[in-house]
Amino acid sequence: MFTYDDIKINYVRYGNKKGNTLVFLHGWGQNIEMMKPIADPFSETNDILIIDLPGYGGSEEPKKVYTVYDYVDCIKSLIEFLKIKNPSLIGHSFGGKISLLYASKYDVHKLVLLASPFKKEVTKLSLKTKLLKTAKKVPVLNKLEGFAKKHIGSTDYRNASPMMRQILVETVNLDITEEVKKIKSSTLIIWGTLDEAVDVKRAYELEQLIPDAGIVLYENCTHYAYLERLGQTIKVLKNFLD
C-alpha cells in the first residue's frame, strides 16, 4: 500500500524485477483484476505493476476533485517511490487517457492504448448502459469471479459518490489533444470496431497525432476488445513489447 495526497493506493507488483517494468492501468469503474489477464503472461520476463486507481478497488477515494493530471501525478509518485525508471504503460479506456497524459510529460519506454479516449465523447447512451451492454458480450469478463456483473458500470454518473461523479465529469470533458502531440514513445493502439464507448475513429486520430504509432483493429469487437481476443492481444503485446 502506498500513500499519496493522504489517500491509500493499492497496487500489486510481481514478476521478474530484472526485466522491463510494465505498468497496467484499468478503466473507469474497474480494478486490478481487469488487467491481470493481459499482465500475467508477461510475469516471467517482466516486472509487473498493476494499480487500483484512486476511488476503485482497494484504493481510497480522493478527498478532492481529481483531474486526469492529478491521476498522472499519483502514478508518477508511485513509480518514483518504487524506483522504477522508463516503464512501459498499458492503459484501458480511462487508464489509457492517464497513460497518454503521462507519456506526454515523462519518459515511457513503450505505450499501449486499449480503446483510450483523449477528447470528449458525445453519445446518447449513459456510461453505465454502454458498459453493461458491452460486458454482457464478453465471455472472459464472466470468468472473473462475477467481477463484471458486480462492478462494471456500477460507478457511473448516476451511481457514483458525489466526489467520483465530479471526477467523472472532469475526466470526460478534458481534451488532451495538444498534450498527445508531445508523445515520443513508440505506441501501439488496439481497438474494437464495434466500440460504443469510444468510437474507433479515435484510434485513427491518435495514430495521426503520435509520430511513432500503429493500430491493430479487432473486427466485431467492443470496448473490451483486448479481453474478447485475449490470445491475440497477448501475442500482439509480446511482439510489440519485446
C-alpha atoms as a PDB file:
ATOM      1  CA  MET A   1       0.000   0.000   0.000  1.00  0.00           C
ATOM      2  CA  PHE A   2       1.249   3.472  -0.955  1.00  0.00           C
ATOM      3  CA  THR A   3       0.032   6.809   0.415  1.00  0.00           C
ATOM      4  CA  TYR A   4      -0.446   9.726  -1.947  1.00  0.00           C
ATOM      5  CA  ASP A   5      -2.162  13.020  -1.129  1.00  0.00           C
ATOM      6  CA  ASP A   6      -3.350  11.495   2.157  1.00  0.00           C
ATOM      7  CA  ILE A   7      -5.118   8.573   0.450  1.00  0.00           C
ATOM      8  CA  LYS A   8      -4.059   4.923   0.335  1.00  0.00           C
ATOM      9  CA  ILE A   9      -3.253   3.483  -3.069  1.00  0.00           C
ATOM     10  CA  ASN A  10      -3.458  -0.267  -3.588  1.00  0.00           C
ATOM     11  CA  TYR A  11      -1.207  -1.987  -6.097  1.00  0.00           C
ATOM     12  CA  VAL A  12       0.352  -5.350  -6.873  1.00  0.00           C
ATOM     13  CA  ARG A  13       3.901  -5.832  -8.078  1.00  0.00           C
ATOM     14  CA  TYR A  14       5.245  -9.195  -9.145  1.00  0.00           C
ATOM     15  CA  GLY A  15       7.234 -10.947 -11.832  1.00  0.00           C
ATOM     16  CA  ASN A  16      10.866 -10.583 -12.859  1.00  0.00           C
ATOM     17  CA  LYS A  17      12.329  -7.370 -11.468  1.00  0.00           C
ATOM     18  CA  LYS A  18      15.343  -7.755 -13.718  1.00  0.00           C
ATOM     19  CA  GLY A  19      13.109  -7.248 -16.736  1.00  0.00           C
ATOM     20  CA  ASN A  20      11.406  -4.153 -18.081  1.00  0.00           C
ATOM     21  CA  THR A  21       8.620  -2.746 -15.931  1.00  0.00           C
ATOM     22  CA  LEU A  22       5.110  -2.919 -17.389  1.00  0.00           C
ATOM     23  CA  VAL A  23       2.563  -0.660 -15.691  1.00  0.00           C
ATOM     24  CA  PHE A  24      -1.102  -1.579 -16.220  1.00  0.00           C
ATOM     25  CA  LEU A  25      -3.882   0.985 -15.684  1.00  0.00           C
ATOM     26  CA  HIS A  26      -7.516  -0.131 -15.706  1.00  0.00           C
ATOM     27  CA  GLY A  27     -10.601   1.648 -16.988  1.00  0.00           C
ATOM     28  CA  TRP A  28     -13.314   3.613 -15.188  1.00  0.00           C
ATOM     29  CA  GLY A  29     -15.200   1.622 -12.549  1.00  0.00           C
ATOM     30  CA  GLN A  30     -12.767  -1.308 -12.750  1.00  0.00           C
ATOM     31  CA  ASN A  31      -9.771  -2.559 -10.771  1.00  0.00           C
ATOM     32  CA  ILE A  32      -6.598  -4.638 -10.812  1.00  0.00           C
ATOM     33  CA  GLU A  33      -8.427  -7.837 -11.757  1.00  0.00           C
ATOM     34  CA  MET A  34      -9.416  -6.444 -15.160  1.00  0.00           C
ATOM     35  CA  MET A  35      -5.777  -6.113 -16.182  1.00  0.00           C
ATOM     36  CA  LYS A  36      -4.342  -9.355 -14.801  1.00  0.00           C
ATOM     37  CA  PRO A  37      -5.393 -11.473 -17.822  1.00  0.00           C
ATOM     38  CA  ILE A  38      -3.018  -9.497 -20.053  1.00  0.00           C
ATOM     39  CA  ALA A  39      -0.391  -8.870 -17.369  1.00  0.00           C
ATOM     40  CA  ASP A  40       0.169 -12.391 -16.008  1.00  0.00           C
ATOM     41  CA  PRO A  41       1.598 -13.854 -19.265  1.00  0.00           C
ATOM     42  CA  PHE A  42       4.476 -11.351 -19.039  1.00  0.00           C
ATOM     43  CA  SER A  43       5.477 -12.006 -15.426  1.00  0.00           C
ATOM     44  CA  GLU A  44       8.278 -14.471 -16.213  1.00  0.00           C
ATOM     45  CA  THR A  45      10.310 -11.942 -18.142  1.00  0.00           C
ATOM     46  CA  ASN A  46       8.974  -8.586 -16.944  1.00  0.00           C
ATOM     47  CA  ASP A  47       8.435  -6.611 -13.761  1.00  0.00           C
ATOM     48  CA  ILE A  48       4.642  -6.192 -13.441  1.00  0.00           C
ATOM     49  CA  LEU A  49       2.904  -3.304 -11.692  1.00  0.00           C
ATOM     50  CA  ILE A  50      -0.905  -3.081 -11.660  1.00  0.00           C
ATOM     51  CA  ILE A  51      -2.571  -0.210  -9.813  1.00  0.00           C
ATOM     52  CA  ASP A  52      -6.032   0.299  -8.374  1.00  0.00           C
ATOM     53  CA  LEU A  53      -6.665   3.873  -9.454  1.00  0.00           C
ATOM     54  CA  PRO A  54      -7.837   6.219  -6.659  1.00  0.00           C
ATOM     55  CA  GLY A  55     -11.520   5.587  -5.997  1.00  0.00           C
ATOM     56  CA  TYR A  56     -11.511   1.962  -7.168  1.00  0.00           C
ATOM     57  CA  GLY A  57     -10.589  -1.498  -5.930  1.00  0.00           C
ATOM     58  CA  GLY A  58      -8.558  -1.308  -2.757  1.00  0.00           C
ATOM     59  CA  SER A  59      -7.556   2.325  -3.237  1.00  0.00           C
ATOM     60  CA  GLU A  60      -9.245   5.085  -1.296  1.00  0.00           C
ATOM     61  CA  GLU A  61     -11.379   7.758  -2.906  1.00  0.00           C
ATOM     62  CA  PRO A  62      -9.735  11.153  -3.472  1.00  0.00           C
ATOM     63  CA  LYS A  63     -10.573  13.819  -0.901  1.00  0.00           C
ATOM     64  CA  LYS A  64     -10.774  16.466  -3.600  1.00  0.00           C
ATOM     65  CA  VAL A  65     -11.915  16.537  -7.220  1.00  0.00           C
ATOM     66  CA  TYR A  66      -9.102  14.924  -9.191  1.00  0.00           C
ATOM     67  CA  THR A  67      -8.404  15.799 -12.796  1.00  0.00           C
ATOM     68  CA  VAL A  68      -6.583  13.411 -15.121  1.00  0.00           C
ATOM     69  CA  TYR A  69      -3.472  15.454 -14.306  1.00  0.00           C
ATOM     70  CA  ASP A  70      -3.870  14.522 -10.628  1.00  0.00           C
ATOM     71  CA  TYR A  71      -4.124  10.845 -11.533  1.00  0.00           C
ATOM     72  CA  VAL A  72      -0.926  11.193 -13.567  1.00  0.00           C
ATOM     73  CA  ASP A  73       0.841  12.799 -10.597  1.00  0.00           C
ATOM     74  CA  CYS A  74      -0.327   9.928  -8.396  1.00  0.00           C
ATOM     75  CA  ILE A  75       1.045   7.312 -10.808  1.00  0.00           C
ATOM     76  CA  LYS A  76       4.303   9.232 -11.165  1.00  0.00           C
ATOM     77  CA  SER A  77       4.729   9.422  -7.380  1.00  0.00           C
ATOM     78  CA  LEU A  78       4.204   5.672  -7.005  1.00  0.00           C
ATOM     79  CA  ILE A  79       6.619   4.876  -9.822  1.00  0.00           C
ATOM     80  CA  GLU A  80       9.271   7.089  -8.226  1.00  0.00           C
ATOM     81  CA  PHE A  81       8.591   5.539  -4.801  1.00  0.00           C
ATOM     82  CA  LEU A  82       9.198   2.089  -6.293  1.00  0.00           C
ATOM     83  CA  LYS A  83      12.345   3.407  -8.029  1.00  0.00           C
ATOM     84  CA  ILE A  84      11.096   2.401 -11.450  1.00  0.00           C
ATOM     85  CA  LYS A  85      12.654   4.080 -14.450  1.00  0.00           C
ATOM     86  CA  ASN A  86      11.408   4.301 -18.026  1.00  0.00           C
ATOM     87  CA  PRO A  87       8.422   1.914 -17.699  1.00  0.00           C
ATOM     88  CA  SER A  88       6.079   0.798 -20.447  1.00  0.00           C
ATOM     89  CA  LEU A  89       2.449   1.806 -19.874  1.00  0.00           C
ATOM     90  CA  ILE A  90      -0.577  -0.260 -20.873  1.00  0.00           C
ATOM     91  CA  GLY A  91      -3.874   1.523 -20.278  1.00  0.00           C
ATOM     92  CA  HIS A  92      -7.501   0.666 -20.999  1.00  0.00           C
ATOM     93  CA  SER A  93     -10.089   3.414 -21.520  1.00  0.00           C
ATOM     94  CA  PHE A  94      -9.729   5.839 -18.566  1.00  0.00           C
ATOM     95  CA  GLY A  95      -6.395   4.220 -17.765  1.00  0.00           C
ATOM     96  CA  GLY A  96      -5.406   4.871 -21.361  1.00  0.00           C
ATOM     97  CA  LYS A  97      -6.206   8.559 -21.053  1.00  0.00           C
ATOM     98  CA  ILE A  98      -3.994   8.715 -17.972  1.00  0.00           C
ATOM     99  CA  SER A  99      -1.275   6.847 -19.889  1.00  0.00           C
ATOM    100  CA  LEU A 100      -1.455   9.305 -22.778  1.00  0.00           C
ATOM    101  CA  LEU A 101      -1.044  12.282 -20.498  1.00  0.00           C
ATOM    102  CA  TYR A 102       1.729  10.579 -18.532  1.00  0.00           C
ATOM    103  CA  ALA A 103       3.658   9.775 -21.717  1.00  0.00           C
ATOM    104  CA  SER A 104       3.344  13.388 -22.860  1.00  0.00           C
ATOM    105  CA  LYS A 105       5.170  14.531 -19.717  1.00  0.00           C
ATOM    106  CA  TYR A 106       7.545  11.752 -18.660  1.00  0.00           C
ATOM    107  CA  ASP A 107       9.844   9.096 -20.092  1.00  0.00           C
ATOM    108  CA  VAL A 108       7.977   5.995 -21.219  1.00  0.00           C
ATOM    109  CA  HIS A 109       9.688   3.074 -22.934  1.00  0.00           C
ATOM    110  CA  LYS A 110       6.611   1.969 -24.874  1.00  0.00           C
ATOM    111  CA  LEU A 111       2.933   2.868 -24.761  1.00  0.00           C
ATOM    112  CA  VAL A 112      -0.082   0.611 -25.331  1.00  0.00           C
ATOM    113  CA  LEU A 113      -3.540   2.156 -25.673  1.00  0.00           C
ATOM    114  CA  LEU A 114      -6.630  -0.021 -25.357  1.00  0.00           C
ATOM    115  CA  ALA A 115      -9.667   1.985 -26.505  1.00  0.00           C
ATOM    116  CA  SER A 116      -8.327   5.162 -24.923  1.00  0.00           C
ATOM    117  CA  PRO A 117     -10.299   8.420 -25.138  1.00  0.00           C
ATOM    118  CA  PHE A 118      -8.453  11.717 -25.346  1.00  0.00           C
ATOM    119  CA  LYS A 119     -11.265  14.172 -26.030  1.00  0.00           C
ATOM    120  CA  LYS A 120     -14.920  14.497 -25.072  1.00  0.00           C
ATOM    121  CA  GLU A 121     -17.100  11.609 -26.250  1.00  0.00           C
ATOM    122  CA  VAL A 122     -20.697  12.589 -27.005  1.00  0.00           C
ATOM    123  CA  THR A 123     -23.074   9.623 -27.039  1.00  0.00           C
ATOM    124  CA  LYS A 124     -26.737   9.034 -26.345  1.00  0.00           C
ATOM    125  CA  LEU A 125     -26.238   6.039 -24.065  1.00  0.00           C
ATOM    126  CA  SER A 126     -25.210   6.562 -20.448  1.00  0.00           C
ATOM    127  CA  LEU A 127     -21.813   5.258 -19.400  1.00  0.00           C
ATOM    128  CA  LYS A 128     -23.386   2.509 -17.307  1.00  0.00           C
ATOM    129  CA  THR A 129     -25.690   1.381 -20.111  1.00  0.00           C
ATOM    130  CA  LYS A 130     -22.823   1.226 -22.587  1.00  0.00           C
ATOM    131  CA  LEU A 131     -20.503  -0.682 -20.286  1.00  0.00           C
ATOM    132  CA  LEU A 132     -23.099  -3.188 -19.146  1.00  0.00           C
ATOM    133  CA  LYS A 133     -24.327  -3.739 -22.693  1.00  0.00           C
ATOM    134  CA  THR A 134     -20.777  -4.371 -23.799  1.00  0.00           C
ATOM    135  CA  ALA A 135     -19.743  -6.513 -20.828  1.00  0.00           C
ATOM    136  CA  LYS A 136     -22.556  -8.992 -21.468  1.00  0.00           C
ATOM    137  CA  LYS A 137     -20.976  -9.783 -24.839  1.00  0.00           C
ATOM    138  CA  VAL A 138     -17.539 -10.575 -23.428  1.00  0.00           C
ATOM    139  CA  PRO A 139     -17.239 -14.182 -22.153  1.00  0.00           C
ATOM    140  CA  VAL A 140     -13.897 -13.518 -20.456  1.00  0.00           C
ATOM    141  CA  LEU A 141     -15.497 -10.991 -18.120  1.00  0.00           C
ATOM    142  CA  ASN A 142     -17.904 -13.600 -16.810  1.00  0.00           C
ATOM    143  CA  LYS A 143     -14.960 -15.713 -15.665  1.00  0.00           C
ATOM    144  CA  LEU A 144     -13.517 -13.036 -13.391  1.00  0.00           C
ATOM    145  CA  GLU A 145     -15.455 -14.297 -10.364  1.00  0.00           C
ATOM    146  CA  GLY A 146     -18.514 -12.249 -11.126  1.00  0.00           C
ATOM    147  CA  PHE A 147     -16.486  -9.051 -11.213  1.00  0.00           C
ATOM    148  CA  ALA A 148     -18.131  -7.712 -14.340  1.00  0.00           C
ATOM    149  CA  LYS A 149     -21.637  -8.279 -13.059  1.00  0.00           C
ATOM    150  CA  LYS A 150     -20.910  -6.570  -9.754  1.00  0.00           C
ATOM    151  CA  HIS A 151     -18.634  -3.754 -10.793  1.00  0.00           C
ATOM    152  CA  ILE A 152     -18.676  -2.883 -14.487  1.00  0.00           C
ATOM    153  CA  GLY A 153     -20.547   0.372 -14.820  1.00  0.00           C
ATOM    154  CA  SER A 154     -21.606   0.367 -11.156  1.00  0.00           C
ATOM    155  CA  THR A 155     -19.933   3.706 -10.537  1.00  0.00           C
ATOM    156  CA  ASP A 156     -21.089   5.795 -13.451  1.00  0.00           C
ATOM    157  CA  TYR A 157     -22.505   9.264 -13.010  1.00  0.00           C
ATOM    158  CA  ARG A 158     -25.832   8.140 -11.562  1.00  0.00           C
ATOM    159  CA  ASN A 159     -24.487   5.674  -9.003  1.00  0.00           C
ATOM    160  CA  ALA A 160     -21.118   7.217  -8.211  1.00  0.00           C
ATOM    161  CA  SER A 161     -20.406   9.041  -4.960  1.00  0.00           C
ATOM    162  CA  PRO A 162     -20.624  12.848  -5.214  1.00  0.00           C
ATOM    163  CA  MET A 163     -16.821  13.027  -5.377  1.00  0.00           C
ATOM    164  CA  MET A 164     -16.387  10.397  -8.108  1.00  0.00           C
ATOM    165  CA  ARG A 165     -19.281  11.935 -10.008  1.00  0.00           C
ATOM    166  CA  GLN A 166     -17.443  15.246 -10.189  1.00  0.00           C
ATOM    167  CA  ILE A 167     -14.240  13.467 -11.159  1.00  0.00           C
ATOM    168  CA  LEU A 168     -16.073  11.669 -13.974  1.00  0.00           C
ATOM    169  CA  VAL A 169     -17.331  14.979 -15.353  1.00  0.00           C
ATOM    170  CA  GLU A 170     -13.830  16.458 -15.225  1.00  0.00           C
ATOM    171  CA  THR A 171     -12.380  13.376 -16.920  1.00  0.00           C
ATOM    172  CA  VAL A 172     -14.924  13.117 -19.725  1.00  0.00           C
ATOM    173  CA  ASN A 173     -14.733  16.813 -20.599  1.00  0.00           C
ATOM    174  CA  LEU A 174     -10.935  17.090 -20.680  1.00  0.00           C
ATOM    175  CA  ASP A 175      -9.438  17.338 -24.162  1.00  0.00           C
ATOM    176  CA  ILE A 176      -5.730  16.433 -24.172  1.00  0.00           C
ATOM    177  CA  THR A 177      -5.169  16.606 -27.927  1.00  0.00           C
ATOM    178  CA  GLU A 178      -2.315  19.100 -27.666  1.00  0.00           C
ATOM    179  CA  GLU A 179      -0.580  17.018 -24.999  1.00  0.00           C
ATOM    180  CA  VAL A 180      -0.876  13.855 -27.110  1.00  0.00           C
ATOM    181  CA  LYS A 181       1.129  15.556 -29.856  1.00  0.00           C
ATOM    182  CA  LYS A 182       4.128  15.668 -27.486  1.00  0.00           C
ATOM    183  CA  ILE A 183       4.367  11.873 -27.088  1.00  0.00           C
ATOM    184  CA  LYS A 184       7.624  10.448 -28.420  1.00  0.00           C
ATOM    185  CA  SER A 185       7.253   6.837 -27.279  1.00  0.00           C
ATOM    186  CA  SER A 186       6.609   4.024 -29.709  1.00  0.00           C
ATOM    187  CA  THR A 187       2.865   3.436 -29.378  1.00  0.00           C
ATOM    188  CA  LEU A 188       0.548   0.504 -30.071  1.00  0.00           C
ATOM    189  CA  ILE A 189      -3.179   1.226 -30.416  1.00  0.00           C
ATOM    190  CA  ILE A 190      -5.660  -1.656 -30.028  1.00  0.00           C
ATOM    191  CA  TRP A 191      -9.353  -1.039 -30.730  1.00  0.00           C
ATOM    192  CA  GLY A 192     -12.573  -2.900 -31.418  1.00  0.00           C
ATOM    193  CA  THR A 193     -14.531  -1.834 -34.476  1.00  0.00           C
ATOM    194  CA  LEU A 194     -17.822  -2.078 -32.546  1.00  0.00           C
ATOM    195  CA  ASP A 195     -16.712   0.048 -29.593  1.00  0.00           C
ATOM    196  CA  GLU A 196     -19.745   2.054 -28.411  1.00  0.00           C
ATOM    197  CA  ALA A 197     -17.963   3.825 -25.556  1.00  0.00           C
ATOM    198  CA  VAL A 198     -15.085   5.350 -27.553  1.00  0.00           C
ATOM    199  CA  ASP A 199     -15.558   5.425 -31.315  1.00  0.00           C
ATOM    200  CA  VAL A 200     -12.938   3.635 -33.388  1.00  0.00           C
ATOM    201  CA  LYS A 201     -12.292   6.886 -35.277  1.00  0.00           C
ATOM    202  CA  ARG A 202     -10.320   7.990 -32.199  1.00  0.00           C
ATOM    203  CA  ALA A 203      -7.793   5.253 -32.957  1.00  0.00           C
ATOM    204  CA  TYR A 204      -7.051   6.782 -36.359  1.00  0.00           C
ATOM    205  CA  GLU A 205      -6.838  10.251 -34.837  1.00  0.00           C
ATOM    206  CA  LEU A 206      -4.326   9.036 -32.254  1.00  0.00           C
ATOM    207  CA  GLU A 207      -2.266   7.383 -34.976  1.00  0.00           C
ATOM    208  CA  GLN A 208      -2.016  10.742 -36.745  1.00  0.00           C
ATOM    209  CA  LEU A 209      -1.208  12.687 -33.570  1.00  0.00           C
ATOM    210  CA  ILE A 210       1.546  10.379 -32.271  1.00  0.00           C
ATOM    211  CA  PRO A 211       4.627  10.277 -34.553  1.00  0.00           C
ATOM    212  CA  ASP A 212       5.511   6.617 -33.919  1.00  0.00           C
ATOM    213  CA  ALA A 213       2.177   4.810 -33.653  1.00  0.00           C
ATOM    214  CA  GLY A 214       0.403   1.857 -35.227  1.00  0.00           C
ATOM    215  CA  ILE A 215      -3.112   0.421 -34.994  1.00  0.00           C
ATOM    216  CA  VAL A 216      -4.362  -3.134 -34.531  1.00  0.00           C
ATOM    217  CA  LEU A 217      -8.103  -3.367 -35.170  1.00  0.00           C
ATOM    218  CA  TYR A 218     -10.269  -6.200 -33.874  1.00  0.00           C
ATOM    219  CA  GLU A 219     -13.242  -6.672 -36.178  1.00  0.00           C
ATOM    220  CA  ASN A 220     -16.629  -7.083 -34.477  1.00  0.00           C
ATOM    221  CA  CYS A 221     -15.179  -6.440 -31.016  1.00  0.00           C
ATOM    222  CA  THR A 222     -16.296  -3.916 -28.410  1.00  0.00           C
ATOM    223  CA  HIS A 223     -14.804  -1.614 -25.777  1.00  0.00           C
ATOM    224  CA  TYR A 224     -13.286  -4.732 -24.191  1.00  0.00           C
ATOM    225  CA  ALA A 225     -11.638  -5.953 -27.379  1.00  0.00           C
ATOM    226  CA  TYR A 226      -8.402  -6.684 -25.534  1.00  0.00           C
ATOM    227  CA  LEU A 227     -10.234  -9.335 -23.488  1.00  0.00           C
ATOM    228  CA  GLU A 228     -12.531 -10.583 -26.235  1.00  0.00           C
ATOM    229  CA  ARG A 229      -9.454 -11.605 -28.220  1.00  0.00           C
ATOM    230  CA  LEU A 230      -7.211 -12.286 -25.245  1.00  0.00           C
ATOM    231  CA  GLY A 231      -4.917 -14.743 -27.036  1.00  0.00           C
ATOM    232  CA  GLN A 232      -4.398 -12.358 -29.930  1.00  0.00           C
ATOM    233  CA  THR A 233      -3.811  -9.442 -27.560  1.00  0.00           C
ATOM    234  CA  ILE A 234      -1.080 -11.326 -25.716  1.00  0.00           C
ATOM    235  CA  LYS A 235       0.655 -12.253 -28.993  1.00  0.00           C
ATOM    236  CA  VAL A 236       0.473  -8.678 -30.280  1.00  0.00           C
ATOM    237  CA  LEU A 237       1.781  -7.303 -26.995  1.00  0.00           C
ATOM    238  CA  LYS A 238       4.666  -9.782 -26.908  1.00  0.00           C
ATOM    239  CA  ASN A 239       5.739  -8.754 -30.399  1.00  0.00           C
ATOM    240  CA  PHE A 240       5.496  -5.069 -29.546  1.00  0.00           C
ATOM    241  CA  LEU A 241       6.913  -5.034 -26.025  1.00  0.00           C
ATOM    242  CA  ASP A 242       9.782  -7.418 -26.735  1.00  0.00           C
END
